[in-house]
PDB file of N, CA and C in Angstrom:
ATOM      1  N   MET A   1     125.866  87.272 104.647  1.00  0.00           N
ATOM      2  CA  MET A   1     124.466  87.634 104.702  1.00  0.00           C
ATOM      3  C   MET A   1     123.675  86.725 103.769  1.00  0.00           C
ATOM      4  N   GLU A   2     122.641  86.095 104.271  1.00  0.00           N
ATOM      5  CA  GLU A   2     121.815  85.219 103.457  1.00  0.00           C
ATOM      6  C   GLU A   2     120.809  86.030 102.660  1.00  0.00           C
ATOM      7  N   THR A   3     120.546  85.585 101.454  1.00  0.00           N
ATOM      8  CA  THR A   3     119.545  86.221 100.615  1.00  0.00           C
ATOM      9  C   THR A   3     118.241  85.454 100.759  1.00  0.00           C
ATOM     10  N   ASN A   4     117.215  86.144 101.124  1.00  0.00           N
ATOM     11  CA  ASN A   4     115.897  85.540 101.199  1.00  0.00           C
ATOM     12  C   ASN A   4     115.205  85.808  99.871  1.00  0.00           C
ATOM     13  N   GLU A   5     115.039  84.768  99.039  1.00  0.00           N
ATOM     14  CA  GLU A   5     114.486  84.936  97.703  1.00  0.00           C
ATOM     15  C   GLU A   5     113.086  85.524  97.722  1.00  0.00           C
ATOM     16  N   LYS A   6     112.359  85.365  98.797  1.00  0.00           N
ATOM     17  CA  LYS A   6     111.015  85.945  98.880  1.00  0.00           C
ATOM     18  C   LYS A   6     111.076  87.467  98.888  1.00  0.00           C
ATOM     19  N   LEU A   7     112.216  88.039  99.252  1.00  0.00           N
ATOM     20  CA  LEU A   7     112.350  89.490  99.311  1.00  0.00           C
ATOM     21  C   LEU A   7     112.825  90.092  97.993  1.00  0.00           C
ATOM     22  N   ILE A   8     113.301  89.277  97.075  1.00  0.00           N
ATOM     23  CA  ILE A   8     113.776  89.773  95.791  1.00  0.00           C
ATOM     24  C   ILE A   8     112.569  90.000  94.898  1.00  0.00           C
ATOM     25  N   ARG A   9     112.456  91.244  94.408  1.00  0.00           N
ATOM     26  CA  ARG A   9     111.281  91.591  93.614  1.00  0.00           C
ATOM     27  C   ARG A   9     111.693  92.341  92.365  1.00  0.00           C
ATOM     28  N   ASN A  10     110.834  92.267  91.387  1.00  0.00           N
ATOM     29  CA  ASN A  10     110.968  93.030  90.159  1.00  0.00           C
ATOM     30  C   ASN A  10     110.172  94.313  90.386  1.00  0.00           C
ATOM     31  N   ARG A  11     110.855  95.374  90.777  1.00  0.00           N
ATOM     32  CA  ARG A  11     110.179  96.607  91.138  1.00  0.00           C
ATOM     33  C   ARG A  11     110.932  97.798  90.553  1.00  0.00           C
ATOM     34  N   VAL A  12     110.185  98.694  89.922  1.00  0.00           N
ATOM     35  CA  VAL A  12     110.751  99.874  89.302  1.00  0.00           C
ATOM     36  C   VAL A  12     110.024 101.092  89.842  1.00  0.00           C
ATOM     37  N   GLN A  13     110.766 102.132  90.182  1.00  0.00           N
ATOM     38  CA  GLN A  13     110.196 103.412  90.594  1.00  0.00           C
ATOM     39  C   GLN A  13     110.739 104.471  89.650  1.00  0.00           C
ATOM     40  N   LEU A  14     109.843 105.253  89.061  1.00  0.00           N
ATOM     41  CA  LEU A  14     110.238 106.298  88.129  1.00  0.00           C
ATOM     42  C   LEU A  14     109.481 107.584  88.429  1.00  0.00           C
ATOM     43  N   MET A  15     110.126 108.712  88.140  1.00  0.00           N
ATOM     44  CA  MET A  15     109.461 110.001  88.183  1.00  0.00           C
ATOM     45  C   MET A  15     109.837 110.706  86.895  1.00  0.00           C
ATOM     46  N   GLY A  16     108.827 111.153  86.162  1.00  0.00           N
ATOM     47  CA  GLY A  16     109.106 111.809  84.890  1.00  0.00           C
ATOM     48  C   GLY A  16     107.865 112.437  84.306  1.00  0.00           C
ATOM     49  N   ASN A  17     107.982 112.810  83.025  1.00  0.00           N
ATOM     50  CA  ASN A  17     106.903 113.491  82.321  1.00  0.00           C
ATOM     51  C   ASN A  17     106.436 112.656  81.138  1.00  0.00           C
ATOM     52  N   LEU A  18     105.115 112.650  80.902  1.00  0.00           N
ATOM     53  CA  LEU A  18     104.552 111.923  79.773  1.00  0.00           C
ATOM     54  C   LEU A  18     104.965 112.595  78.474  1.00  0.00           C
ATOM     55  N   GLY A  19     105.370 111.787  77.500  1.00  0.00           N
ATOM     56  CA  GLY A  19     105.785 112.301  76.201  1.00  0.00           C
ATOM     57  C   GLY A  19     104.623 112.548  75.261  1.00  0.00           C
ATOM     58  N   LYS A  20     103.481 111.918  75.528  1.00  0.00           N
ATOM     59  CA  LYS A  20     102.275 112.107  74.716  1.00  0.00           C
ATOM     60  C   LYS A  20     101.072 111.677  75.540  1.00  0.00           C
ATOM     61  N   ASP A  21      99.891 112.003  75.067  1.00  0.00           N
ATOM     62  CA  ASP A  21      98.675 111.587  75.761  1.00  0.00           C
ATOM     63  C   ASP A  21      98.612 110.058  75.812  1.00  0.00           C
ATOM     64  N   PRO A  22      98.099 109.506  76.913  1.00  0.00           N
ATOM     65  CA  PRO A  22      97.944 108.049  77.006  1.00  0.00           C
ATOM     66  C   PRO A  22      96.977 107.533  75.935  1.00  0.00           C
ATOM     67  N   GLU A  23      97.267 106.362  75.389  1.00  0.00           N
ATOM     68  CA  GLU A  23      96.407 105.718  74.402  1.00  0.00           C
ATOM     69  C   GLU A  23      95.650 104.588  75.088  1.00  0.00           C
ATOM     70  N   LEU A  24      94.334 104.729  75.195  1.00  0.00           N
ATOM     71  CA  LEU A  24      93.501 103.729  75.862  1.00  0.00           C
ATOM     72  C   LEU A  24      92.859 102.821  74.827  1.00  0.00           C
ATOM     73  N   ARG A  25      92.963 101.515  75.069  1.00  0.00           N
ATOM     74  CA  ARG A  25      92.292 100.512  74.228  1.00  0.00           C
ATOM     75  C   ARG A  25      91.371  99.699  75.115  1.00  0.00           C
ATOM     76  N   GLU A  26      90.208  99.372  74.564  1.00  0.00           N
ATOM     77  CA  GLU A  26      89.271  98.519  75.287  1.00  0.00           C
ATOM     78  C   GLU A  26      89.045  97.263  74.456  1.00  0.00           C
ATOM     79  N   PHE A  27      89.194  96.120  75.108  1.00  0.00           N
ATOM     80  CA  PHE A  27      89.064  94.833  74.449  1.00  0.00           C
ATOM     81  C   PHE A  27      87.689  94.231  74.704  1.00  0.00           C
ATOM     82  N   ASP A  28      87.382  93.169  73.957  1.00  0.00           N
ATOM     83  CA  ASP A  28      86.137  92.440  74.191  1.00  0.00           C
ATOM     84  C   ASP A  28      86.056  92.038  75.653  1.00  0.00           C
ATOM     85  N   GLY A  29      84.906  92.177  76.232  1.00  0.00           N
ATOM     86  CA  GLY A  29      84.739  91.844  77.646  1.00  0.00           C
ATOM     87  C   GLY A  29      85.016  93.024  78.559  1.00  0.00           C
ATOM     88  N   GLY A  30      85.390  94.167  77.984  1.00  0.00           N
ATOM     89  CA  GLY A  30      85.581  95.374  78.784  1.00  0.00           C
ATOM     90  C   GLY A  30      86.965  95.570  79.369  1.00  0.00           C
ATOM     91  N   LYS A  31      87.908  94.662  79.100  1.00  0.00           N
ATOM     92  CA  LYS A  31      89.262  94.808  79.636  1.00  0.00           C
ATOM     93  C   LYS A  31      89.932  96.025  78.989  1.00  0.00           C
ATOM     94  N   LYS A  32      90.601  96.849  79.819  1.00  0.00           N
ATOM     95  CA  LYS A  32      91.224  98.079  79.337  1.00  0.00           C
ATOM     96  C   LYS A  32      92.737  98.028  79.475  1.00  0.00           C
ATOM     97  N   LYS A  33      93.393  98.682  78.511  1.00  0.00           N
ATOM     98  CA  LYS A  33      94.855  98.780  78.512  1.00  0.00           C
ATOM     99  C   LYS A  33      95.226 100.197  78.082  1.00  0.00           C
ATOM    100  N   VAL A  34      96.155 100.796  78.813  1.00  0.00           N
ATOM    101  CA  VAL A  34      96.654 102.114  78.421  1.00  0.00           C
ATOM    102  C   VAL A  34      98.153 102.008  78.184  1.00  0.00           C
ATOM    103  N   ARG A  35      98.628 102.811  77.231  1.00  0.00           N
ATOM    104  CA  ARG A  35     100.045 102.817  76.894  1.00  0.00           C
ATOM    105  C   ARG A  35     100.481 104.270  76.730  1.00  0.00           C
ATOM    106  N   PHE A  36     101.677 104.599  77.268  1.00  0.00           N
ATOM    107  CA  PHE A  36     102.256 105.923  77.068  1.00  0.00           C
ATOM    108  C   PHE A  36     103.759 105.853  77.285  1.00  0.00           C
ATOM    109  N   SER A  37     104.438 106.922  76.900  1.00  0.00           N
ATOM    110  CA  SER A  37     105.888 106.992  77.111  1.00  0.00           C
ATOM    111  C   SER A  37     106.172 107.987  78.227  1.00  0.00           C
ATOM    112  N   LEU A  38     107.200 107.689  79.006  1.00  0.00           N
ATOM    113  CA  LEU A  38     107.586 108.527  80.138  1.00  0.00           C
ATOM    114  C   LEU A  38     109.059 108.899  79.980  1.00  0.00           C
ATOM    115  N   ALA A  39     109.342 110.199  80.080  1.00  0.00           N
ATOM    116  CA  ALA A  39     110.720 110.685  79.986  1.00  0.00           C
ATOM    117  C   ALA A  39     111.262 110.951  81.381  1.00  0.00           C
ATOM    118  N   THR A  40     112.432 110.397  81.673  1.00  0.00           N
ATOM    119  CA  THR A  40     113.132 110.714  82.915  1.00  0.00           C
ATOM    120  C   THR A  40     114.406 111.455  82.540  1.00  0.00           C
ATOM    121  N   ASN A  41     114.779 112.421  83.363  1.00  0.00           N
ATOM    122  CA  ASN A  41     115.946 113.254  83.082  1.00  0.00           C
ATOM    123  C   ASN A  41     116.941 113.169  84.217  1.00  0.00           C
ATOM    124  N   GLU A  42     118.203 113.172  83.834  1.00  0.00           N
ATOM    125  CA  GLU A  42     119.284 113.204  84.810  1.00  0.00           C
ATOM    126  C   GLU A  42     120.270 114.270  84.348  1.00  0.00           C
ATOM    127  N   ARG A  43     120.633 115.149  85.251  1.00  0.00           N
ATOM    128  CA  ARG A  43     121.578 116.216  84.941  1.00  0.00           C
ATOM    129  C   ARG A  43     122.872 115.920  85.694  1.00  0.00           C
ATOM    130  N   PHE A  44     123.987 115.984  84.979  1.00  0.00           N
ATOM    131  CA  PHE A  44     125.253 115.727  85.637  1.00  0.00           C
ATOM    132  C   PHE A  44     126.309 116.710  85.142  1.00  0.00           C
ATOM    133  N   ALA A  45     127.302 116.915  85.999  1.00  0.00           N
ATOM    134  CA  ALA A  45     128.389 117.840  85.692  1.00  0.00           C
ATOM    135  C   ALA A  45     129.552 117.084  85.082  1.00  0.00           C
ATOM    136  N   TYR A  46     130.221 117.749  84.159  1.00  0.00           N
ATOM    137  CA  TYR A  46     131.471 117.230  83.606  1.00  0.00           C
ATOM    138  C   TYR A  46     132.358 118.424  83.276  1.00  0.00           C
ATOM    139  N   GLY A  47     133.623 118.202  83.268  1.00  0.00           N
ATOM    140  CA  GLY A  47     134.543 119.303  83.009  1.00  0.00           C
ATOM    141  C   GLY A  47     134.424 120.376  84.082  1.00  0.00           C
ATOM    142  N   GLU A  48     134.726 121.607  83.713  1.00  0.00           N
ATOM    143  CA  GLU A  48     134.667 122.717  84.663  1.00  0.00           C
ATOM    144  C   GLU A  48     133.402 123.528  84.432  1.00  0.00           C
ATOM    145  N   GLY A  49     132.421 123.306  85.293  1.00  0.00           N
ATOM    146  CA  GLY A  49     131.179 124.078  85.222  1.00  0.00           C
ATOM    147  C   GLY A  49     130.274 123.738  84.058  1.00  0.00           C
ATOM    148  N   GLN A  50     130.527 122.609  83.392  1.00  0.00           N
ATOM    149  CA  GLN A  50     129.675 122.210  82.286  1.00  0.00           C
ATOM    150  C   GLN A  50     128.697 121.145  82.768  1.00  0.00           C
ATOM    151  N   PHE A  51     127.478 121.238  82.258  1.00  0.00           N
ATOM    152  CA  PHE A  51     126.445 120.288  82.634  1.00  0.00           C
ATOM    153  C   PHE A  51     125.840 119.666  81.394  1.00  0.00           C
ATOM    154  N   LYS A  52     125.400 118.448  81.566  1.00  0.00           N
ATOM    155  CA  LYS A  52     124.732 117.741  80.482  1.00  0.00           C
ATOM    156  C   LYS A  52     123.475 117.099  81.043  1.00  0.00           C
ATOM    157  N   GLU A  53     122.426 117.091  80.249  1.00  0.00           N
ATOM    158  CA  GLU A  53     121.187 116.442  80.672  1.00  0.00           C
ATOM    159  C   GLU A  53     120.958 115.217  79.790  1.00  0.00           C
ATOM    160  N   ASP A  54     120.682 114.100  80.439  1.00  0.00           N
ATOM    161  CA  ASP A  54     120.436 112.839  79.741  1.00  0.00           C
ATOM    162  C   ASP A  54     118.969 112.472  79.931  1.00  0.00           C
ATOM    163  N   THR A  55     118.259 112.286  78.834  1.00  0.00           N
ATOM    164  CA  THR A  55     116.850 111.908  78.885  1.00  0.00           C
ATOM    165  C   THR A  55     116.710 110.460  78.444  1.00  0.00           C
ATOM    166  N   GLN A  56     116.017 109.670  79.251  1.00  0.00           N
ATOM    167  CA  GLN A  56     115.712 108.278  78.916  1.00  0.00           C
ATOM    168  C   GLN A  56     114.205 108.159  78.723  1.00  0.00           C
ATOM    169  N   TRP A  57     113.785 107.417  77.711  1.00  0.00           N
ATOM    170  CA  TRP A  57     112.360 107.197  77.439  1.00  0.00           C
ATOM    171  C   TRP A  57     111.994 105.780  77.838  1.00  0.00           C
ATOM    172  N   HIS A  58     110.861 105.653  78.523  1.00  0.00           N
ATOM    173  CA  HIS A  58     110.383 104.366  79.022  1.00  0.00           C
ATOM    174  C   HIS A  58     108.974 104.118  78.486  1.00  0.00           C
ATOM    175  N   GLY A  59     108.750 102.924  77.963  1.00  0.00           N
ATOM    176  CA  GLY A  59     107.408 102.528  77.545  1.00  0.00           C
ATOM    177  C   GLY A  59     106.650 102.031  78.767  1.00  0.00           C
ATOM    178  N   ILE A  60     105.463 102.605  78.999  1.00  0.00           N
ATOM    179  CA  ILE A  60     104.655 102.262  80.171  1.00  0.00           C
ATOM    180  C   ILE A  60     103.327 101.684  79.697  1.00  0.00           C
ATOM    181  N   VAL A  61     102.872 100.643  80.381  1.00  0.00           N
ATOM    182  CA  VAL A  61     101.572 100.055  80.096  1.00  0.00           C
ATOM    183  C   VAL A  61     100.868  99.786  81.425  1.00  0.00           C
ATOM    184  N   ALA A  62      99.536  99.944  81.432  1.00  0.00           N
ATOM    185  CA  ALA A  62      98.736  99.632  82.623  1.00  0.00           C
ATOM    186  C   ALA A  62      97.443  98.963  82.164  1.00  0.00           C
ATOM    187  N   TRP A  63      96.854  98.190  83.064  1.00  0.00           N
ATOM    188  CA  TRP A  63      95.673  97.395  82.741  1.00  0.00           C
ATOM    189  C   TRP A  63      94.525  97.715  83.689  1.00  0.00           C
ATOM    190  N   GLY A  64      93.306  97.424  83.260  1.00  0.00           N
ATOM    191  CA  GLY A  64      92.119  97.485  84.105  1.00  0.00           C
ATOM    192  C   GLY A  64      91.763  98.876  84.600  1.00  0.00           C
ATOM    193  N   LYS A  65      91.382  98.932  85.884  1.00  0.00           N
ATOM    194  CA  LYS A  65      90.952 100.199  86.480  1.00  0.00           C
ATOM    195  C   LYS A  65      92.062 101.234  86.464  1.00  0.00           C
ATOM    196  N   LEU A  66      93.297 100.786  86.672  1.00  0.00           N
ATOM    197  CA  LEU A  66      94.432 101.711  86.659  1.00  0.00           C
ATOM    198  C   LEU A  66      94.608 102.319  85.269  1.00  0.00           C
ATOM    199  N   ALA A  67      94.364 101.541  84.218  1.00  0.00           N
ATOM    200  CA  ALA A  67      94.445 102.042  82.848  1.00  0.00           C
ATOM    201  C   ALA A  67      93.417 103.139  82.618  1.00  0.00           C
ATOM    202  N   ALA A  68      92.182 102.908  83.061  1.00  0.00           N
ATOM    203  CA  ALA A  68      91.125 103.905  82.900  1.00  0.00           C
ATOM    204  C   ALA A  68      91.447 105.171  83.689  1.00  0.00           C
ATOM    205  N   GLN A  69      91.968 105.003  84.889  1.00  0.00           N
ATOM    206  CA  GLN A  69      92.337 106.134  85.733  1.00  0.00           C
ATOM    207  C   GLN A  69      93.454 106.952  85.081  1.00  0.00           C
ATOM    208  N   ALA A  70      94.456 106.292  84.547  1.00  0.00           N
ATOM    209  CA  ALA A  70      95.567 106.986  83.891  1.00  0.00           C
ATOM    210  C   ALA A  70      95.077 107.746  82.659  1.00  0.00           C
ATOM    211  N   ALA A  71      94.223 107.110  81.852  1.00  0.00           N
ATOM    212  CA  ALA A  71      93.702 107.762  80.645  1.00  0.00           C
ATOM    213  C   ALA A  71      92.880 108.995  80.998  1.00  0.00           C
ATOM    214  N   GLU A  72      92.193 108.944  82.117  1.00  0.00           N
ATOM    215  CA  GLU A  72      91.350 110.061  82.539  1.00  0.00           C
ATOM    216  C   GLU A  72      92.166 111.204  83.136  1.00  0.00           C
ATOM    217  N   GLN A  73      93.191 110.894  83.925  1.00  0.00           N
ATOM    218  CA  GLN A  73      93.914 111.909  84.688  1.00  0.00           C
ATOM    219  C   GLN A  73      95.173 112.453  84.017  1.00  0.00           C
ATOM    220  N   LEU A  74      95.769 111.700  83.085  1.00  0.00           N
ATOM    221  CA  LEU A  74      97.076 112.086  82.562  1.00  0.00           C
ATOM    222  C   LEU A  74      96.992 112.640  81.147  1.00  0.00           C
ATOM    223  N   ARG A  75      97.884 113.577  80.849  1.00  0.00           N
ATOM    224  CA  ARG A  75      98.013 114.180  79.531  1.00  0.00           C
ATOM    225  C   ARG A  75      99.493 114.371  79.226  1.00  0.00           C
ATOM    226  N   LYS A  76      99.791 114.655  77.972  1.00  0.00           N
ATOM    227  CA  LYS A  76     101.161 114.955  77.572  1.00  0.00           C
ATOM    228  C   LYS A  76     101.716 116.030  78.498  1.00  0.00           C
ATOM    229  N   GLY A  77     102.921 115.791  79.029  1.00  0.00           N
ATOM    230  CA  GLY A  77     103.564 116.748  79.922  1.00  0.00           C
ATOM    231  C   GLY A  77     103.274 116.519  81.392  1.00  0.00           C
ATOM    232  N   SER A  78     102.264 115.696  81.724  1.00  0.00           N
ATOM    233  CA  SER A  78     101.972 115.413  83.135  1.00  0.00           C
ATOM    234  C   SER A  78     103.217 114.855  83.809  1.00  0.00           C
ATOM    235  N   ARG A  79     103.493 115.337  85.013  1.00  0.00           N
ATOM    236  CA  ARG A  79     104.626 114.828  85.798  1.00  0.00           C
ATOM    237  C   ARG A  79     104.065 113.831  86.799  1.00  0.00           C
ATOM    238  N   ILE A  80     104.603 112.613  86.774  1.00  0.00           N
ATOM    239  CA  ILE A  80     104.102 111.575  87.670  1.00  0.00           C
ATOM    240  C   ILE A  80     105.251 110.866  88.378  1.00  0.00           C
ATOM    241  N   SER A  81     104.892 110.292  89.520  1.00  0.00           N
ATOM    242  CA  SER A  81     105.729 109.349  90.227  1.00  0.00           C
ATOM    243  C   SER A  81     104.997 108.019  90.097  1.00  0.00           C
ATOM    244  N   MET A  82     105.696 106.972  89.703  1.00  0.00           N
ATOM    245  CA  MET A  82     105.018 105.702  89.462  1.00  0.00           C
ATOM    246  C   MET A  82     105.863 104.520  89.905  1.00  0.00           C
ATOM    247  N   GLU A  83     105.178 103.421  90.131  1.00  0.00           N
ATOM    248  CA  GLU A  83     105.833 102.148  90.419  1.00  0.00           C
ATOM    249  C   GLU A  83     105.295 101.106  89.456  1.00  0.00           C
ATOM    250  N   GLY A  84     106.125 100.105  89.211  1.00  0.00           N
ATOM    251  CA  GLY A  84     105.714  99.022  88.338  1.00  0.00           C
ATOM    252  C   GLY A  84     106.750  97.928  88.339  1.00  0.00           C
ATOM    253  N   ARG A  85     106.679  97.099  87.298  1.00  0.00           N
ATOM    254  CA  ARG A  85     107.637  96.013  87.156  1.00  0.00           C
ATOM    255  C   ARG A  85     108.078  95.930  85.699  1.00  0.00           C
ATOM    256  N   LEU A  86     109.328  95.524  85.495  1.00  0.00           N
ATOM    257  CA  LEU A  86     109.866  95.390  84.146  1.00  0.00           C
ATOM    258  C   LEU A  86     109.382  94.103  83.496  1.00  0.00           C
ATOM    259  N   VAL A  87     109.037  94.217  82.226  1.00  0.00           N
ATOM    260  CA  VAL A  87     108.640  93.058  81.442  1.00  0.00           C
ATOM    261  C   VAL A  87     109.421  93.100  80.129  1.00  0.00           C
ATOM    262  N   HIS A  88     110.024  91.984  79.769  1.00  0.00           N
ATOM    263  CA  HIS A  88     110.753  91.857  78.510  1.00  0.00           C
ATOM    264  C   HIS A  88     109.971  90.899  77.622  1.00  0.00           C
ATOM    265  N   GLY A  89     109.939  91.181  76.349  1.00  0.00           N
ATOM    266  CA  GLY A  89     109.226  90.307  75.432  1.00  0.00           C
ATOM    267  C   GLY A  89     109.755  90.429  74.027  1.00  0.00           C
ATOM    268  N   SER A  90     109.145  89.682  73.124  1.00  0.00           N
ATOM    269  CA  SER A  90     109.523  89.740  71.716  1.00  0.00           C
ATOM    270  C   SER A  90     108.300  89.438  70.858  1.00  0.00           C
ATOM    271  N   TYR A  91     108.391  89.831  69.610  1.00  0.00           N
ATOM    272  CA  TYR A  91     107.345  89.546  68.641  1.00  0.00           C
ATOM    273  C   TYR A  91     107.996  89.529  67.257  1.00  0.00           C
ATOM    274  N   ASP A  92     107.295  88.948  66.291  1.00  0.00           N
ATOM    275  CA  ASP A  92     107.792  88.933  64.923  1.00  0.00           C
ATOM    276  C   ASP A  92     107.225  90.135  64.191  1.00  0.00           C
ATOM    277  N   GLY A  93     108.108  90.969  63.645  1.00  0.00           N
ATOM    278  CA  GLY A  93     107.694  92.158  62.910  1.00  0.00           C
ATOM    279  C   GLY A  93     107.065  91.782  61.576  1.00  0.00           C
ATOM    280  N   LYS A  94     106.468  92.778  60.933  1.00  0.00           N
ATOM    281  CA  LYS A  94     105.841  92.557  59.619  1.00  0.00           C
ATOM    282  C   LYS A  94     106.839  92.072  58.585  1.00  0.00           C
ATOM    283  N   ASP A  95     108.117  92.421  58.805  1.00  0.00           N
ATOM    284  CA  ASP A  95     109.171  91.996  57.884  1.00  0.00           C
ATOM    285  C   ASP A  95     109.732  90.621  58.225  1.00  0.00           C
ATOM    286  N   GLY A  96     109.137  89.965  59.244  1.00  0.00           N
ATOM    287  CA  GLY A  96     109.584  88.633  59.636  1.00  0.00           C
ATOM    288  C   GLY A  96     110.734  88.627  60.628  1.00  0.00           C
ATOM    289  N   GLN A  97     111.279  89.785  60.956  1.00  0.00           N
ATOM    290  CA  GLN A  97     112.383  89.885  61.908  1.00  0.00           C
ATOM    291  C   GLN A  97     111.851  89.880  63.334  1.00  0.00           C
ATOM    292  N   LYS A  98     112.574  89.212  64.209  1.00  0.00           N
ATOM    293  CA  LYS A  98     112.193  89.188  65.624  1.00  0.00           C
ATOM    294  C   LYS A  98     112.558  90.524  66.254  1.00  0.00           C
ATOM    295  N   ARG A  99     111.620  91.112  66.966  1.00  0.00           N
ATOM    296  CA  ARG A  99     111.817  92.387  67.647  1.00  0.00           C
ATOM    297  C   ARG A  99     111.723  92.139  69.151  1.00  0.00           C
ATOM    298  N   TYR A 100     112.552  92.855  69.901  1.00  0.00           N
ATOM    299  CA  TYR A 100     112.577  92.718  71.354  1.00  0.00           C
ATOM    300  C   TYR A 100     112.159  94.040  71.981  1.00  0.00           C
ATOM    301  N   PHE A 101     111.506  93.960  73.136  1.00  0.00           N
ATOM    302  CA  PHE A 101     111.096  95.175  73.822  1.00  0.00           C
ATOM    303  C   PHE A 101     111.178  94.993  75.331  1.00  0.00           C
ATOM    304  N   THR A 102     111.292  96.106  76.005  1.00  0.00           N
ATOM    305  CA  THR A 102     111.212  96.160  77.456  1.00  0.00           C
ATOM    306  C   THR A 102     110.222  97.260  77.789  1.00  0.00           C
ATOM    307  N   GLU A 103     109.288  96.981  78.664  1.00  0.00           N
ATOM    308  CA  GLU A 103     108.331  97.989  79.095  1.00  0.00           C
ATOM    309  C   GLU A 103     108.094  97.857  80.587  1.00  0.00           C
ATOM    310  N   VAL A 104     107.522  98.891  81.153  1.00  0.00           N
ATOM    311  CA  VAL A 104     107.185  98.887  82.575  1.00  0.00           C
ATOM    312  C   VAL A 104     105.680  98.710  82.700  1.00  0.00           C
ATOM    313  N   VAL A 105     105.258  97.676  83.419  1.00  0.00           N
ATOM    314  CA  VAL A 105     103.843  97.484  83.714  1.00  0.00           C
ATOM    315  C   VAL A 105     103.569  98.244  85.009  1.00  0.00           C
ATOM    316  N   MET A 106     102.817  99.329  84.889  1.00  0.00           N
ATOM    317  CA  MET A 106     102.566 100.223  86.012  1.00  0.00           C
ATOM    318  C   MET A 106     101.587  99.584  86.999  1.00  0.00           C
ATOM    319  N   THR A 107     101.916  99.693  88.288  1.00  0.00           N
ATOM    320  CA  THR A 107     101.036  99.174  89.336  1.00  0.00           C
ATOM    321  C   THR A 107     100.420 100.288  90.180  1.00  0.00           C
ATOM    322  N   SER A 108     101.034 101.486  90.142  1.00  0.00           N
ATOM    323  CA  SER A 108     100.469 102.643  90.840  1.00  0.00           C
ATOM    324  C   SER A 108     101.123 103.906  90.303  1.00  0.00           C
ATOM    325  N   PHE A 109     100.411 105.028  90.440  1.00  0.00           N
ATOM    326  CA  PHE A 109     100.996 106.305  90.039  1.00  0.00           C
ATOM    327  C   PHE A 109     100.382 107.424  90.858  1.00  0.00           C
ATOM    328  N   GLN A 110     101.084 108.539  90.868  1.00  0.00           N
ATOM    329  CA  GLN A 110     100.617 109.740  91.545  1.00  0.00           C
ATOM    330  C   GLN A 110     101.059 110.938  90.713  1.00  0.00           C
ATOM    331  N   VAL A 111     100.146 111.865  90.467  1.00  0.00           N
ATOM    332  CA  VAL A 111     100.498 113.082  89.751  1.00  0.00           C
ATOM    333  C   VAL A 111     101.301 113.962  90.702  1.00  0.00           C
ATOM    334  N   VAL A 112     102.412 114.504  90.201  1.00  0.00           N
ATOM    335  CA  VAL A 112     103.298 115.344  91.003  1.00  0.00           C
ATOM    336  C   VAL A 112     103.191 116.767  90.480  1.00  0.00           C
ATOM    337  N   GLU A 113     102.892 117.682  91.378  1.00  0.00           N
ATOM    338  CA  GLU A 113     102.824 119.098  90.997  1.00  0.00           C
ATOM    339  C   GLU A 113     104.229 119.625  90.864  1.00  0.00           C
ATOM    340  N   SER A 114     104.513 120.321  89.783  1.00  0.00           N
ATOM    341  CA  SER A 114     105.821 120.946  89.587  1.00  0.00           C
ATOM    342  C   SER A 114     105.896 122.195  90.415  1.00  0.00           C
ATOM    343  N   SER A 115     107.049 122.420  91.040  1.00  0.00           N
ATOM    344  CA  SER A 115     107.242 123.642  91.822  1.00  0.00           C
ATOM    345  C   SER A 115     108.038 124.644  91.004  1.00  0.00           C
ATOM    346  N   VAL A 116     107.993 125.884  91.378  1.00  0.00           N
ATOM    347  CA  VAL A 116     108.744 126.931  90.687  1.00  0.00           C
ATOM    348  C   VAL A 116     110.230 126.622  90.749  1.00  0.00           C
ATOM    349  N   ALA A 117     110.702 126.080  91.873  1.00  0.00           N
ATOM    350  CA  ALA A 117     112.116 125.755  92.054  1.00  0.00           C
ATOM    351  C   ALA A 117     112.563 124.707  91.044  1.00  0.00           C
ATOM    352  N   GLU A 118     111.686 123.716  90.736  1.00  0.00           N
ATOM    353  CA  GLU A 118     112.053 122.679  89.790  1.00  0.00           C
ATOM    354  C   GLU A 118     112.165 123.234  88.377  1.00  0.00           C
ATOM    355  N   ALA A 119     111.337 124.243  88.060  1.00  0.00           N
ATOM    356  CA  ALA A 119     111.327 124.798  86.720  1.00  0.00           C
ATOM    357  C   ALA A 119     112.574 125.607  86.430  1.00  0.00           C
ATOM    358  N   ALA A 120     113.246 126.093  87.481  1.00  0.00           N
ATOM    359  CA  ALA A 120     114.439 126.933  87.295  1.00  0.00           C
ATOM    360  C   ALA A 120     115.646 126.122  86.918  1.00  0.00           C
TER     361      ALA A 120
END
């Protein structure tokens, strides 16, 4: 099977809950950026009838109109379904050490209503 490189994409889909209210920043010229953390949970069985829940935290960032929309509509605990792309980067910390990060640049989101069945 041939791989068509045009079809290979950096795409992430997540569903989870916001860990805190989104932080909106506005830059000179009116450009907006929002940042928040998203928790995803996975429950799995091990042993006999034992279950464990694994929570992963993801740093999310959005720009422009989507940033303003997220800041307006989302709050701590909001459950969302979102798409974006992974971005890796680095910066020099105040202590001079190089720090590395991975975040998801959000391209779309939808608020998901929790059902009674999910809460059980």
